[in-house]
Amino acid sequence: MSKVLLDTSLEKYFNDCYDMFGTDGWATLVGDLRANAVNVNSVEYTTDADNLHFRKGQLAVLAQIINLEESIKTAHDQALADEQITEEVE
């Protein structure tokens, strides 16, 4: 049996995220963003310093979305661990 957070709203948030990550749409979106990141990461089409900084921002946003699933899993694991530590202290 998997562990459940005592904070039901936070647990619902994590479960909603996991439901989203399990959809075909999420897989398609992440795949498309990964493909786009390759093009954005190319300096070949960079015209000047402003464009380079713009591309850097685009890559940061793409990375945040592409890595969201792992970030959520890590945050959930940390919340569970924090809750367990709190229970042990009490």
C-alpha atoms as a PDB file:
ATOM      1  CA  MET A   1       0.000   0.000   0.000  1.00  0.00           C
ATOM      2  CA  SER A   2       1.335   3.428  -0.902  1.00  0.00           C
ATOM      3  CA  LYS A   3       1.752   6.148   1.671  1.00  0.00           C
ATOM      4  CA  VAL A   4      -0.758   8.995   1.782  1.00  0.00           C
ATOM      5  CA  LEU A   5      -0.161  12.491   3.098  1.00  0.00           C
ATOM      6  CA  LEU A   6      -2.236  13.726   5.998  1.00  0.00           C
ATOM      7  CA  ASP A   7      -2.726  17.033   4.158  1.00  0.00           C
ATOM      8  CA  THR A   8      -5.530  15.905   1.847  1.00  0.00           C
ATOM      9  CA  SER A   9      -5.368  18.969  -0.411  1.00  0.00           C
ATOM     10  CA  LEU A  10      -1.655  18.420  -1.008  1.00  0.00           C
ATOM     11  CA  GLU A  11      -2.228  14.706  -1.595  1.00  0.00           C
ATOM     12  CA  LYS A  12      -4.968  15.586  -4.103  1.00  0.00           C
ATOM     13  CA  TYR A  13      -2.565  17.955  -5.874  1.00  0.00           C
ATOM     14  CA  PHE A  14       0.048  15.214  -6.245  1.00  0.00           C
ATOM     15  CA  ASN A  15      -2.561  12.668  -7.374  1.00  0.00           C
ATOM     16  CA  ASP A  16      -3.936  15.111  -9.949  1.00  0.00           C
ATOM     17  CA  CYS A  17      -0.418  15.613 -11.283  1.00  0.00           C
ATOM     18  CA  TYR A  18       0.174  11.853 -11.476  1.00  0.00           C
ATOM     19  CA  ASP A  19      -3.136  11.462 -13.343  1.00  0.00           C
ATOM     20  CA  MET A  20      -2.023  14.128 -15.829  1.00  0.00           C
ATOM     21  CA  PHE A  21       1.398  12.510 -16.306  1.00  0.00           C
ATOM     22  CA  GLY A  22      -0.327   9.210 -17.161  1.00  0.00           C
ATOM     23  CA  THR A  23      -2.191  10.625 -20.153  1.00  0.00           C
ATOM     24  CA  ASP A  24      -1.263  10.267 -23.804  1.00  0.00           C
ATOM     25  CA  GLY A  25      -1.571  14.040 -24.116  1.00  0.00           C
ATOM     26  CA  TRP A  26       1.147  14.629 -21.525  1.00  0.00           C
ATOM     27  CA  ALA A  27       3.475  12.180 -23.267  1.00  0.00           C
ATOM     28  CA  THR A  28       2.826  13.908 -26.600  1.00  0.00           C
ATOM     29  CA  LEU A  29       3.407  17.366 -25.128  1.00  0.00           C
ATOM     30  CA  VAL A  30       6.684  16.391 -23.473  1.00  0.00           C
ATOM     31  CA  GLY A  31       7.856  14.679 -26.658  1.00  0.00           C
ATOM     32  CA  ASP A  32       7.075  17.763 -28.722  1.00  0.00           C
ATOM     33  CA  LEU A  33       8.795  20.044 -26.230  1.00  0.00           C
ATOM     34  CA  ARG A  34      11.905  17.847 -26.220  1.00  0.00           C
ATOM     35  CA  ALA A  35      12.038  18.065 -30.015  1.00  0.00           C
ATOM     36  CA  ASN A  36      11.541  21.841 -29.905  1.00  0.00           C
ATOM     37  CA  ALA A  37      14.258  22.225 -27.287  1.00  0.00           C
ATOM     38  CA  VAL A  38      16.802  20.839 -29.749  1.00  0.00           C
ATOM     39  CA  ASN A  39      15.938  23.601 -32.232  1.00  0.00           C
ATOM     40  CA  VAL A  40      15.824  26.350 -29.611  1.00  0.00           C
ATOM     41  CA  ASN A  41      19.186  25.205 -28.237  1.00  0.00           C
ATOM     42  CA  SER A  42      20.869  25.754 -31.605  1.00  0.00           C
ATOM     43  CA  VAL A  43      23.024  28.867 -31.844  1.00  0.00           C
ATOM     44  CA  GLU A  44      22.952  28.520 -35.614  1.00  0.00           C
ATOM     45  CA  TYR A  45      19.827  30.676 -35.852  1.00  0.00           C
ATOM     46  CA  THR A  46      20.767  33.122 -33.089  1.00  0.00           C
ATOM     47  CA  THR A  47      20.928  36.622 -34.546  1.00  0.00           C
ATOM     48  CA  ASP A  48      22.275  38.700 -31.635  1.00  0.00           C
ATOM     49  CA  ALA A  49      22.783  38.820 -27.872  1.00  0.00           C
ATOM     50  CA  ASP A  50      19.122  39.668 -27.219  1.00  0.00           C
ATOM     51  CA  ASN A  51      18.014  36.665 -29.240  1.00  0.00           C
ATOM     52  CA  LEU A  52      20.500  34.491 -27.359  1.00  0.00           C
ATOM     53  CA  HIS A  53      19.036  35.606 -24.011  1.00  0.00           C
ATOM     54  CA  PHE A  54      15.517  35.022 -25.343  1.00  0.00           C
ATOM     55  CA  ARG A  55      16.475  31.477 -26.342  1.00  0.00           C
ATOM     56  CA  LYS A  56      18.009  30.936 -22.912  1.00  0.00           C
ATOM     57  CA  GLY A  57      14.663  31.876 -21.358  1.00  0.00           C
ATOM     58  CA  GLN A  58      12.811  29.573 -23.725  1.00  0.00           C
ATOM     59  CA  LEU A  59      15.097  26.695 -22.747  1.00  0.00           C
ATOM     60  CA  ALA A  60      14.533  27.372 -19.052  1.00  0.00           C
ATOM     61  CA  VAL A  61      10.755  27.170 -19.509  1.00  0.00           C
ATOM     62  CA  LEU A  62      11.009  24.054 -21.676  1.00  0.00           C
ATOM     63  CA  ALA A  63      13.265  22.370 -19.110  1.00  0.00           C
ATOM     64  CA  GLN A  64      10.854  23.208 -16.288  1.00  0.00           C
ATOM     65  CA  ILE A  65       7.933  21.593 -18.114  1.00  0.00           C
ATOM     66  CA  ILE A  66       9.932  18.623 -19.399  1.00  0.00           C
ATOM     67  CA  ASN A  67      11.248  17.940 -15.880  1.00  0.00           C
ATOM     68  CA  LEU A  68       7.950  18.618 -14.103  1.00  0.00           C
ATOM     69  CA  GLU A  69       7.092  14.955 -13.599  1.00  0.00           C
ATOM     70  CA  GLU A  70      10.372  14.219 -11.842  1.00  0.00           C
ATOM     71  CA  SER A  71      10.097  17.439  -9.823  1.00  0.00           C
ATOM     72  CA  ILE A  72       6.626  16.475  -8.612  1.00  0.00           C
ATOM     73  CA  LYS A  73       7.760  12.968  -7.676  1.00  0.00           C
ATOM     74  CA  THR A  74      10.689  14.404  -5.725  1.00  0.00           C
ATOM     75  CA  ALA A  75       8.460  16.940  -3.946  1.00  0.00           C
ATOM     76  CA  HIS A  76       5.939  14.210  -3.060  1.00  0.00           C
ATOM     77  CA  ASP A  77       8.654  11.935  -1.699  1.00  0.00           C
ATOM     78  CA  GLN A  78      10.063  14.825   0.331  1.00  0.00           C
ATOM     79  CA  ALA A  79       6.630  15.711   1.723  1.00  0.00           C
ATOM     80  CA  LEU A  80       6.108  12.096   2.766  1.00  0.00           C
ATOM     81  CA  ALA A  81       9.545  11.963   4.376  1.00  0.00           C
ATOM     82  CA  ASP A  82       8.968  15.268   6.193  1.00  0.00           C
ATOM     83  CA  GLU A  83       5.636  14.037   7.470  1.00  0.00           C
ATOM     84  CA  GLN A  84       7.190  10.801   8.714  1.00  0.00           C
ATOM     85  CA  ILE A  85       9.929  12.713  10.545  1.00  0.00           C
ATOM     86  CA  THR A  86       7.288  14.937  12.141  1.00  0.00           C
ATOM     87  CA  GLU A  87       5.329  11.883  13.292  1.00  0.00           C
ATOM     88  CA  GLU A  88       8.453  10.290  14.761  1.00  0.00           C
ATOM     89  CA  VAL A  89       9.318  13.455  16.697  1.00  0.00           C
ATOM     90  CA  GLU A  90       5.839  13.761  18.162  1.00  0.00           C
END
